Amino acid sequence: MDLFLFISVIVGMTFIFLYFVFNHDIQKKKLELEEQKLELEKKKVELQKVCKDQEEEKR
């Protein structure tokens, strides 16, 4: 009975550990995604400025 309890505790702790690892990984990927979105928005604004400057030069 002690062996069954020991194995159950080890398996339970493993699942808890995996939960925290996956949770940390998901948060890290969300942060990377937000950084990519921010970079994309910066490029978009920069392109809009360039287009606006080109339109002003044509006039």
C-alpha atoms as a PDB file:
ATOM      1  CA  MET A   1       0.000   0.000   0.000  1.00  0.00           C
ATOM      2  CA  ASP A   2       2.900   2.358   0.718  1.00  0.00           C
ATOM      3  CA  LEU A   3       4.296   1.790  -2.778  1.00  0.00           C
ATOM      4  CA  PHE A   4       0.916   2.665  -4.356  1.00  0.00           C
ATOM      5  CA  LEU A   5       0.720   5.869  -2.295  1.00  0.00           C
ATOM      6  CA  PHE A   6       4.310   6.784  -3.185  1.00  0.00           C
ATOM      7  CA  ILE A   7       3.707   6.261  -6.914  1.00  0.00           C
ATOM      8  CA  SER A   8       0.445   8.230  -6.741  1.00  0.00           C
ATOM      9  CA  VAL A   9       2.206  11.175  -5.091  1.00  0.00           C
ATOM     10  CA  ILE A  10       5.027  11.102  -7.648  1.00  0.00           C
ATOM     11  CA  VAL A  11       2.542  11.022 -10.567  1.00  0.00           C
ATOM     12  CA  GLY A  12       0.510  13.834  -9.007  1.00  0.00           C
ATOM     13  CA  MET A  13       3.582  15.997  -8.495  1.00  0.00           C
ATOM     14  CA  THR A  14       4.633  15.315 -12.084  1.00  0.00           C
ATOM     15  CA  PHE A  15       1.291  16.562 -13.404  1.00  0.00           C
ATOM     16  CA  ILE A  16       1.495  19.662 -11.211  1.00  0.00           C
ATOM     17  CA  PHE A  17       5.016  20.345 -12.501  1.00  0.00           C
ATOM     18  CA  LEU A  18       3.896  19.893 -16.108  1.00  0.00           C
ATOM     19  CA  TYR A  19       0.968  22.268 -15.534  1.00  0.00           C
ATOM     20  CA  PHE A  20       3.320  25.023 -14.377  1.00  0.00           C
ATOM     21  CA  VAL A  21       5.779  24.373 -17.214  1.00  0.00           C
ATOM     22  CA  PHE A  22       3.034  24.532 -19.865  1.00  0.00           C
ATOM     23  CA  ASN A  23       1.492  27.593 -18.218  1.00  0.00           C
ATOM     24  CA  HIS A  24       4.861  29.378 -18.265  1.00  0.00           C
ATOM     25  CA  ASP A  25       5.416  28.374 -21.898  1.00  0.00           C
ATOM     26  CA  ILE A  26       1.989  29.674 -22.939  1.00  0.00           C
ATOM     27  CA  GLN A  27       2.618  33.013 -21.201  1.00  0.00           C
ATOM     28  CA  LYS A  28       5.998  33.273 -22.920  1.00  0.00           C
ATOM     29  CA  LYS A  29       4.439  32.595 -26.332  1.00  0.00           C
ATOM     30  CA  LYS A  30       1.691  35.179 -25.675  1.00  0.00           C
ATOM     31  CA  LEU A  31       4.350  37.758 -24.852  1.00  0.00           C
ATOM     32  CA  GLU A  32       6.261  36.940 -28.047  1.00  0.00           C
ATOM     33  CA  LEU A  33       3.030  37.248 -30.035  1.00  0.00           C
ATOM     34  CA  GLU A  34       2.315  40.664 -28.505  1.00  0.00           C
ATOM     35  CA  GLU A  35       5.836  41.798 -29.386  1.00  0.00           C
ATOM     36  CA  GLN A  36       5.321  40.652 -32.978  1.00  0.00           C
ATOM     37  CA  LYS A  37       1.996  42.496 -33.163  1.00  0.00           C
ATOM     38  CA  LEU A  38       3.642  45.641 -31.815  1.00  0.00           C
ATOM     39  CA  GLU A  39       6.446  45.384 -34.368  1.00  0.00           C
ATOM     40  CA  LEU A  40       3.874  44.912 -37.142  1.00  0.00           C
ATOM     41  CA  GLU A  41       1.963  48.001 -36.003  1.00  0.00           C
ATOM     42  CA  LYS A  42       5.199  50.017 -35.996  1.00  0.00           C
ATOM     43  CA  LYS A  43       5.921  48.924 -39.565  1.00  0.00           C
ATOM     44  CA  LYS A  44       2.355  49.771 -40.572  1.00  0.00           C
ATOM     45  CA  VAL A  45       2.615  53.286 -39.142  1.00  0.00           C
ATOM     46  CA  GLU A  46       5.982  53.749 -40.824  1.00  0.00           C
ATOM     47  CA  LEU A  47       4.554  52.685 -44.178  1.00  0.00           C
ATOM     48  CA  GLN A  48       1.631  55.058 -43.758  1.00  0.00           C
ATOM     49  CA  LYS A  49       4.072  57.912 -43.106  1.00  0.00           C
ATOM     50  CA  VAL A  50       6.043  57.018 -46.217  1.00  0.00           C
ATOM     51  CA  CYS A  51       2.869  56.880 -48.331  1.00  0.00           C
ATOM     52  CA  LYS A  52       1.729  60.212 -46.928  1.00  0.00           C
ATOM     53  CA  ASP A  53       5.113  61.794 -47.674  1.00  0.00           C
ATOM     54  CA  GLN A  54       5.019  60.468 -51.231  1.00  0.00           C
ATOM     55  CA  GLU A  55       1.513  61.870 -51.767  1.00  0.00           C
ATOM     56  CA  GLU A  56       2.640  65.269 -50.489  1.00  0.00           C
ATOM     57  CA  GLU A  57       5.618  65.239 -52.835  1.00  0.00           C
ATOM     58  CA  LYS A  58       3.343  64.542 -55.829  1.00  0.00           C
ATOM     59  CA  ARG A  59       1.265  67.628 -55.105  1.00  0.00           C
END
